N, C-alpha and C. Protein backbone atom coordinates (compact mmCIF):
# COMPACT_ATOMS: atom_id res chain seq x y z
N MET A 1 1.48 15.66 -16.78
CA MET A 1 0.48 16.24 -15.89
C MET A 1 0.28 17.73 -16.22
N HIS A 2 1.39 18.39 -16.60
CA HIS A 2 1.25 19.79 -16.90
C HIS A 2 0.28 20.04 -18.07
N SER A 3 0.34 19.19 -19.09
CA SER A 3 -0.59 19.35 -20.21
C SER A 3 -2.06 19.09 -19.77
N ILE A 4 -2.23 18.14 -18.89
CA ILE A 4 -3.57 17.86 -18.41
C ILE A 4 -4.14 19.04 -17.63
N TYR A 5 -3.30 19.61 -16.74
CA TYR A 5 -3.72 20.82 -16.01
C TYR A 5 -4.03 21.96 -16.98
N CYS A 6 -3.22 22.11 -18.00
CA CYS A 6 -3.45 23.22 -18.95
C CYS A 6 -4.72 22.98 -19.75
N ARG A 7 -4.98 21.76 -20.11
CA ARG A 7 -6.15 21.47 -20.92
C ARG A 7 -7.45 21.55 -20.17
N TYR A 8 -7.46 20.97 -18.94
CA TYR A 8 -8.75 20.85 -18.19
C TYR A 8 -8.88 21.83 -16.98
N GLY A 9 -7.78 22.31 -16.52
CA GLY A 9 -7.79 23.21 -15.38
C GLY A 9 -7.64 22.45 -14.06
N ALA A 10 -7.10 23.18 -13.07
CA ALA A 10 -6.81 22.55 -11.77
C ALA A 10 -8.03 22.08 -11.06
N LYS A 11 -9.15 22.81 -11.17
CA LYS A 11 -10.37 22.43 -10.48
C LYS A 11 -10.90 21.08 -11.00
N ALA A 12 -10.88 20.91 -12.34
CA ALA A 12 -11.38 19.66 -12.91
C ALA A 12 -10.46 18.47 -12.57
N VAL A 13 -9.13 18.69 -12.63
CA VAL A 13 -8.21 17.63 -12.30
C VAL A 13 -8.34 17.23 -10.83
N ALA A 14 -8.53 18.21 -9.94
CA ALA A 14 -8.68 17.92 -8.52
C ALA A 14 -9.96 17.14 -8.32
N ALA A 15 -11.04 17.50 -8.98
CA ALA A 15 -12.33 16.82 -8.84
C ALA A 15 -12.24 15.34 -9.30
N VAL A 16 -11.60 15.14 -10.45
CA VAL A 16 -11.45 13.78 -10.96
C VAL A 16 -10.55 12.94 -10.06
N SER A 17 -9.46 13.54 -9.60
CA SER A 17 -8.55 12.86 -8.68
C SER A 17 -9.23 12.43 -7.42
N SER A 18 -10.04 13.34 -6.86
CA SER A 18 -10.80 13.04 -5.64
C SER A 18 -11.82 11.93 -5.84
N ALA A 19 -12.48 11.98 -7.01
CA ALA A 19 -13.48 10.94 -7.32
C ALA A 19 -12.81 9.59 -7.50
N LEU A 20 -11.62 9.54 -8.10
CA LEU A 20 -10.88 8.29 -8.28
C LEU A 20 -10.46 7.68 -6.96
N VAL A 21 -9.99 8.53 -6.06
CA VAL A 21 -9.57 8.08 -4.72
C VAL A 21 -10.80 7.49 -3.99
N GLU A 22 -11.92 8.20 -4.06
CA GLU A 22 -13.14 7.74 -3.38
C GLU A 22 -13.61 6.43 -3.96
N GLN A 23 -13.61 6.32 -5.28
CA GLN A 23 -14.04 5.07 -5.95
C GLN A 23 -13.12 3.93 -5.61
N SER A 24 -11.81 4.16 -5.55
CA SER A 24 -10.86 3.12 -5.19
C SER A 24 -11.10 2.62 -3.78
N GLU A 25 -11.36 3.56 -2.86
CA GLU A 25 -11.63 3.18 -1.46
C GLU A 25 -12.89 2.32 -1.38
N GLN A 26 -13.94 2.71 -2.06
CA GLN A 26 -15.20 1.93 -2.07
C GLN A 26 -15.00 0.55 -2.58
N LEU A 27 -14.27 0.42 -3.71
CA LEU A 27 -14.02 -0.91 -4.29
C LEU A 27 -13.17 -1.79 -3.36
N LEU A 28 -12.18 -1.19 -2.72
CA LEU A 28 -11.34 -1.96 -1.81
C LEU A 28 -12.18 -2.44 -0.61
N ARG A 29 -12.99 -1.55 -0.02
CA ARG A 29 -13.79 -1.92 1.09
C ARG A 29 -14.78 -3.01 0.75
N GLN A 30 -15.36 -2.94 -0.44
CA GLN A 30 -16.27 -4.03 -0.92
C GLN A 30 -15.56 -5.36 -0.98
N ARG A 31 -14.35 -5.29 -1.57
CA ARG A 31 -13.57 -6.52 -1.69
C ARG A 31 -13.16 -7.09 -0.34
N LEU A 32 -12.78 -6.22 0.56
CA LEU A 32 -12.41 -6.66 1.93
C LEU A 32 -13.57 -7.36 2.63
N MET A 33 -14.80 -6.89 2.42
CA MET A 33 -15.97 -7.54 3.02
C MET A 33 -16.15 -8.98 2.54
N GLU A 34 -15.62 -9.31 1.39
CA GLU A 34 -15.74 -10.65 0.81
C GLU A 34 -14.71 -11.61 1.44
N LEU A 35 -13.71 -11.10 2.09
CA LEU A 35 -12.64 -11.92 2.65
C LEU A 35 -12.84 -12.14 4.15
N PRO A 36 -12.33 -13.26 4.66
CA PRO A 36 -12.49 -13.53 6.09
C PRO A 36 -11.63 -12.59 6.94
N ASP A 37 -12.10 -12.31 8.15
CA ASP A 37 -11.29 -11.52 9.07
C ASP A 37 -10.11 -12.36 9.51
N GLY A 38 -9.02 -11.68 9.86
CA GLY A 38 -7.89 -12.43 10.33
C GLY A 38 -6.65 -11.52 10.38
N CYS A 39 -5.52 -12.20 10.70
CA CYS A 39 -4.23 -11.46 10.84
C CYS A 39 -3.20 -12.25 10.02
N TRP A 40 -2.43 -11.54 9.26
CA TRP A 40 -1.39 -12.11 8.42
C TRP A 40 -0.04 -11.47 8.75
N HIS A 41 1.03 -12.26 8.64
CA HIS A 41 2.36 -11.77 8.90
C HIS A 41 3.25 -12.07 7.69
N ALA A 42 4.15 -11.17 7.41
CA ALA A 42 5.13 -11.41 6.35
C ALA A 42 6.49 -10.90 6.79
N ARG A 43 7.51 -11.60 6.38
CA ARG A 43 8.89 -11.20 6.71
C ARG A 43 9.70 -11.09 5.42
N SER A 44 10.51 -10.09 5.37
CA SER A 44 11.38 -9.90 4.21
C SER A 44 12.72 -9.38 4.70
N TYR A 45 13.69 -9.46 3.82
CA TYR A 45 15.01 -8.96 4.17
C TYR A 45 15.47 -7.93 3.13
N TYR A 46 16.05 -6.89 3.62
CA TYR A 46 16.46 -5.80 2.80
C TYR A 46 17.99 -5.68 2.91
N GLU A 47 18.71 -5.95 1.83
CA GLU A 47 20.14 -5.94 1.86
C GLU A 47 20.72 -4.58 1.47
N GLN A 48 21.66 -4.12 2.27
CA GLN A 48 22.44 -2.96 1.97
C GLN A 48 23.89 -3.38 1.97
N PRO A 49 24.75 -2.55 1.41
CA PRO A 49 26.17 -2.98 1.34
C PRO A 49 26.77 -3.38 2.69
N ASP A 50 26.38 -2.74 3.78
CA ASP A 50 27.04 -3.02 5.05
C ASP A 50 26.17 -3.79 6.04
N LYS A 51 24.89 -4.15 5.67
CA LYS A 51 24.06 -4.86 6.63
C LYS A 51 22.84 -5.46 5.91
N VAL A 52 22.19 -6.36 6.60
CA VAL A 52 20.94 -6.95 6.15
C VAL A 52 19.92 -6.64 7.21
N MET A 53 18.80 -6.05 6.81
CA MET A 53 17.74 -5.71 7.75
C MET A 53 16.54 -6.67 7.59
N ARG A 54 16.01 -7.12 8.69
CA ARG A 54 14.79 -7.95 8.65
C ARG A 54 13.61 -7.05 8.81
N ILE A 55 12.62 -7.19 7.95
CA ILE A 55 11.41 -6.36 8.01
C ILE A 55 10.24 -7.33 8.23
N HIS A 56 9.47 -7.08 9.28
CA HIS A 56 8.32 -7.91 9.61
C HIS A 56 7.08 -7.02 9.63
N LEU A 57 6.08 -7.44 8.85
CA LEU A 57 4.85 -6.68 8.74
C LEU A 57 3.68 -7.57 9.16
N ALA A 58 2.77 -7.02 9.91
CA ALA A 58 1.55 -7.72 10.31
C ALA A 58 0.36 -6.92 9.83
N MET A 59 -0.62 -7.58 9.22
CA MET A 59 -1.85 -6.93 8.76
C MET A 59 -3.02 -7.60 9.42
N THR A 60 -3.92 -6.81 9.95
CA THR A 60 -5.13 -7.33 10.55
C THR A 60 -6.33 -6.83 9.76
N LYS A 61 -7.19 -7.73 9.36
CA LYS A 61 -8.39 -7.39 8.58
C LYS A 61 -9.58 -7.63 9.43
N ARG A 62 -10.41 -6.60 9.59
CA ARG A 62 -11.68 -6.71 10.31
C ARG A 62 -12.75 -5.98 9.50
N ALA A 63 -13.78 -6.70 9.11
CA ALA A 63 -14.85 -6.13 8.29
C ALA A 63 -14.27 -5.50 7.04
N ASP A 64 -14.38 -4.17 6.91
CA ASP A 64 -13.85 -3.51 5.68
C ASP A 64 -12.62 -2.66 5.99
N SER A 65 -11.87 -3.03 7.04
CA SER A 65 -10.65 -2.27 7.46
C SER A 65 -9.43 -3.14 7.49
N LEU A 66 -8.32 -2.53 7.15
CA LEU A 66 -7.03 -3.17 7.31
C LEU A 66 -6.17 -2.28 8.23
N THR A 67 -5.47 -2.94 9.14
CA THR A 67 -4.53 -2.23 10.01
C THR A 67 -3.20 -2.91 9.88
N SER A 68 -2.13 -2.12 9.67
CA SER A 68 -0.82 -2.76 9.56
C SER A 68 0.09 -2.22 10.66
N ILE A 69 0.94 -3.11 11.09
CA ILE A 69 1.95 -2.73 12.08
C ILE A 69 3.28 -3.37 11.68
N SER A 70 4.36 -2.82 12.12
CA SER A 70 5.67 -3.45 11.95
C SER A 70 6.19 -3.85 13.32
N PRO A 71 5.84 -5.10 13.75
CA PRO A 71 6.16 -5.48 15.13
C PRO A 71 7.61 -5.70 15.41
N GLY A 72 8.46 -5.88 14.39
CA GLY A 72 9.87 -6.08 14.68
C GLY A 72 10.71 -5.94 13.42
N ARG A 73 11.88 -5.35 13.64
CA ARG A 73 12.82 -5.27 12.55
C ARG A 73 14.20 -5.07 13.18
N THR A 74 15.22 -5.49 12.46
CA THR A 74 16.56 -5.28 12.95
C THR A 74 17.06 -3.95 12.50
N ASN A 75 17.75 -3.25 13.36
CA ASN A 75 18.38 -1.97 13.02
C ASN A 75 17.31 -0.92 12.67
N ARG A 76 17.71 0.31 12.62
CA ARG A 76 16.85 1.39 12.15
C ARG A 76 16.79 1.27 10.63
N CYS A 77 15.64 1.35 10.09
CA CYS A 77 15.47 1.10 8.68
C CYS A 77 15.03 2.40 7.96
N PRO A 78 15.68 2.73 6.85
CA PRO A 78 15.23 3.89 6.08
C PRO A 78 13.90 3.63 5.43
N PRO A 79 13.22 4.65 4.99
CA PRO A 79 11.94 4.41 4.28
C PRO A 79 12.19 3.52 3.04
N LEU A 80 11.32 2.55 2.83
CA LEU A 80 11.50 1.59 1.77
C LEU A 80 10.32 1.64 0.83
N SER A 81 10.56 1.42 -0.41
CA SER A 81 9.48 1.24 -1.40
C SER A 81 9.22 -0.23 -1.56
N THR A 82 7.95 -0.63 -1.41
CA THR A 82 7.61 -2.05 -1.57
C THR A 82 6.99 -2.34 -2.92
N ALA A 83 7.03 -1.34 -3.82
CA ALA A 83 6.39 -1.52 -5.14
C ALA A 83 6.99 -2.69 -5.87
N HIS A 84 8.31 -2.83 -5.88
CA HIS A 84 8.92 -3.91 -6.62
C HIS A 84 8.55 -5.28 -6.03
N THR A 85 8.63 -5.41 -4.70
CA THR A 85 8.28 -6.64 -4.04
C THR A 85 6.82 -6.98 -4.26
N GLY A 86 5.95 -5.96 -4.13
CA GLY A 86 4.53 -6.19 -4.35
C GLY A 86 4.22 -6.62 -5.77
N ARG A 87 4.96 -6.04 -6.71
CA ARG A 87 4.73 -6.39 -8.11
C ARG A 87 5.14 -7.88 -8.35
N LEU A 88 6.16 -8.34 -7.70
CA LEU A 88 6.60 -9.71 -7.88
C LEU A 88 5.52 -10.70 -7.35
N GLY A 89 4.77 -10.31 -6.37
CA GLY A 89 3.74 -11.17 -5.83
C GLY A 89 2.40 -11.03 -6.52
N ALA A 90 2.27 -10.07 -7.40
CA ALA A 90 1.01 -9.80 -8.07
C ALA A 90 0.70 -10.84 -9.10
N PRO A 91 -0.56 -11.21 -9.25
CA PRO A 91 -0.91 -12.21 -10.26
C PRO A 91 -0.67 -11.61 -11.67
N SER A 92 -0.26 -12.45 -12.58
CA SER A 92 0.04 -11.96 -13.95
C SER A 92 -1.15 -12.20 -14.88
């Protein structure tokens, strides 16, 4: 990133970054409009050396919006990264 900032400047990098975020949002909202409205639930378990935590996530889709909630989980849960789990479910 440092070399990109040096080559193009902070203003250009910020403008491109902003445009990419905006484009990603537009594409996601377009795709959401193609899917039916509804509510989905998923449950996962996160193991730590001294305990197992249950994580329950609910997603509601209406028009071009998604709302997520965590309606229940056991114990207080530290912040978790779902990148690995999401990658496992991604189409190859």
